[in-house]
C-alpha atoms as a PDB file:
ATOM      1  CA  MET A   1      34.615 -66.991 -56.553  1.00  0.00           C
ATOM      2  CA  LYS A   2      33.576 -64.403 -53.966  1.00  0.00           C
ATOM      3  CA  ALA A   3      31.544 -67.011 -52.137  1.00  0.00           C
ATOM      4  CA  ILE A   4      34.510 -69.351 -51.912  1.00  0.00           C
ATOM      5  CA  LYS A   5      36.744 -66.546 -50.623  1.00  0.00           C
ATOM      6  CA  GLN A   6      34.164 -65.728 -47.994  1.00  0.00           C
ATOM      7  CA  ILE A   7      33.849 -69.374 -46.949  1.00  0.00           C
ATOM      8  CA  VAL A   8      37.609 -69.711 -46.624  1.00  0.00           C
ATOM      9  CA  ILE A   9      37.862 -66.475 -44.650  1.00  0.00           C
ATOM     10  CA  VAL A  10      35.044 -67.492 -42.308  1.00  0.00           C
ATOM     11  CA  ALA A  11      36.567 -70.953 -41.771  1.00  0.00           C
ATOM     12  CA  MET A  12      39.973 -69.487 -41.014  1.00  0.00           C
ATOM     13  CA  THR A  13      38.511 -66.841 -38.732  1.00  0.00           C
ATOM     14  CA  LEU A  14      36.502 -69.401 -36.791  1.00  0.00           C
ATOM     15  CA  THR A  15      39.495 -71.718 -36.465  1.00  0.00           C
ATOM     16  CA  ALA A  16      41.728 -68.894 -35.289  1.00  0.00           C
ATOM     17  CA  GLY A  17      39.045 -67.565 -32.958  1.00  0.00           C
ATOM     18  CA  VAL A  18      38.532 -70.920 -31.298  1.00  0.00           C
ATOM     19  CA  ALA A  19      42.267 -71.414 -30.970  1.00  0.00           C
ATOM     20  CA  ILE A  20      42.830 -67.984 -29.448  1.00  0.00           C
ATOM     21  CA  ALA A  21      39.691 -67.787 -27.306  1.00  0.00           C
ATOM     22  CA  ALA A  22      40.484 -70.825 -25.175  1.00  0.00           C
ATOM     23  CA  LYS A  23      42.491 -70.034 -22.064  1.00  0.00           C
ATOM     24  CA  VAL A  24      45.990 -71.462 -22.340  1.00  0.00           C
ATOM     25  CA  VAL A  25      46.837 -73.320 -19.139  1.00  0.00           C
ATOM     26  CA  ASP A  26      49.842 -75.390 -20.128  1.00  0.00           C
ATOM     27  CA  TRP A  27      51.673 -76.881 -23.097  1.00  0.00           C
ATOM     28  CA  ARG A  28      48.796 -79.286 -23.760  1.00  0.00           C
ATOM     29  CA  ASP A  29      46.566 -76.316 -24.597  1.00  0.00           C
ATOM     30  CA  LEU A  30      49.267 -74.941 -26.895  1.00  0.00           C
ATOM     31  CA  ASP A  31      49.484 -78.361 -28.528  1.00  0.00           C
ATOM     32  CA  LYS A  32      45.711 -78.360 -29.140  1.00  0.00           C
ATOM     33  CA  THR A  33      45.995 -74.920 -30.730  1.00  0.00           C
ATOM     34  CA  HIS A  34      48.877 -76.220 -32.855  1.00  0.00           C
ATOM     35  CA  LYS A  35      46.661 -79.067 -34.065  1.00  0.00           C
ATOM     36  CA  HIS A  36      43.842 -76.624 -34.906  1.00  0.00           C
ATOM     37  CA  VAL A  37      46.221 -74.601 -37.065  1.00  0.00           C
ATOM     38  CA  GLN A  38      47.409 -77.789 -38.784  1.00  0.00           C
ATOM     39  CA  GLU A  39      43.766 -78.643 -39.535  1.00  0.00           C
ATOM     40  CA  ALA A  40      43.253 -75.151 -40.961  1.00  0.00           C
ATOM     41  CA  ILE A  41      46.278 -75.663 -43.233  1.00  0.00           C
ATOM     42  CA  HIS A  42      44.801 -78.911 -44.530  1.00  0.00           C
ATOM     43  CA  GLU A  43      41.417 -77.253 -45.099  1.00  0.00           C
ATOM     44  CA  MET A  44      43.118 -74.451 -47.011  1.00  0.00           C
ATOM     45  CA  GLU A  45      45.031 -76.952 -49.164  1.00  0.00           C
ATOM     46  CA  ARG A  46      41.784 -78.780 -49.959  1.00  0.00           C
ATOM     47  CA  ALA A  47      39.948 -75.546 -50.782  1.00  0.00           C
ATOM     48  CA  ARG A  48      42.691 -74.347 -53.114  1.00  0.00           C
ATOM     49  CA  ALA A  49      42.968 -77.741 -54.835  1.00  0.00           C
ATOM     50  CA  ALA A  50      39.206 -78.111 -55.229  1.00  0.00           C
ATOM     51  CA  ASN A  51      38.847 -74.703 -56.831  1.00  0.00           C
ATOM     52  CA  HIS A  52      41.825 -74.998 -59.186  1.00  0.00           C
ATOM     53  CA  TYR A  53      42.791 -71.384 -58.748  1.00  0.00           C
ATOM     54  CA  ASP A  54      44.754 -69.288 -56.322  1.00  0.00           C
ATOM     55  CA  MET A  55      42.193 -66.629 -55.375  1.00  0.00           C
ATOM     56  CA  ASP A  56      44.401 -63.831 -56.720  1.00  0.00           C
ATOM     57  CA  GLY A  57      47.308 -64.984 -54.562  1.00  0.00           C
ATOM     58  CA  HIS A  58      45.363 -64.634 -51.322  1.00  0.00           C
ATOM     59  CA  GLY A  59      44.996 -68.377 -50.862  1.00  0.00           C
ATOM     60  CA  ALA A  60      48.742 -68.942 -51.085  1.00  0.00           C
ATOM     61  CA  LYS A  61      49.432 -66.029 -48.749  1.00  0.00           C
ATOM     62  CA  ALA A  62      46.905 -67.265 -46.191  1.00  0.00           C
ATOM     63  CA  GLU A  63      48.374 -70.760 -46.362  1.00  0.00           C
ATOM     64  CA  GLU A  64      51.916 -69.427 -45.842  1.00  0.00           C
ATOM     65  CA  LEU A  65      50.787 -67.375 -42.841  1.00  0.00           C
ATOM     66  CA  LEU A  66      49.140 -70.465 -41.371  1.00  0.00           C
ATOM     67  CA  ARG A  67      52.379 -72.393 -41.900  1.00  0.00           C
ATOM     68  CA  GLN A  68      54.320 -69.654 -40.096  1.00  0.00           C
ATOM     69  CA  ALA A  69      51.860 -69.793 -37.207  1.00  0.00           C
ATOM     70  CA  GLU A  70      52.172 -73.586 -37.135  1.00  0.00           C
ATOM     71  CA  ARG A  71      55.979 -73.385 -36.896  1.00  0.00           C
ATOM     72  CA  GLU A  72      55.807 -70.803 -34.096  1.00  0.00           C
ATOM     73  CA  LEU A  73      53.282 -72.864 -32.152  1.00  0.00           C
ATOM     74  CA  ALA A  74      55.469 -75.956 -32.503  1.00  0.00           C
ATOM     75  CA  LEU A  75      58.368 -73.982 -31.035  1.00  0.00           C
ATOM     76  CA  ALA A  76      56.137 -72.642 -28.258  1.00  0.00           C
ATOM     77  CA  VAL A  77      55.014 -76.166 -27.334  1.00  0.00           C
ATOM     78  CA  GLU A  78      58.618 -77.396 -27.207  1.00  0.00           C
ATOM     79  CA  SER A  79      59.637 -74.394 -25.112  1.00  0.00           C
ATOM     80  CA  ALA A  80      56.747 -74.899 -22.692  1.00  0.00           C
ATOM     81  CA  LYS A  81      57.539 -78.609 -22.359  1.00  0.00           C
ATOM     82  CA  ALA A  82      61.187 -77.813 -21.613  1.00  0.00           C
ATOM     83  CA  ALA A  83      60.148 -75.317 -18.907  1.00  0.00           C
ATOM     84  CA  HIS A  84      58.202 -77.979 -17.023  1.00  0.00           C
END
């Protein structure tokens, strides 16, 4: 169980790091980041389903935080598109 938690944490950290590390130039970059977060959500769903447990609630919390980030990025993309 610890190994799975660590794998999930590393995957999420890498995904977030890649998304944040890239220089944002325009809405297309924000859209790419949005897609990375969506991929992370799907990976989290698969990990939770494959393991048949909730990792003491941390899996659900991490997934909800990713969903919040996804919604905010979607709004940011729309806002950036409207500004152009």
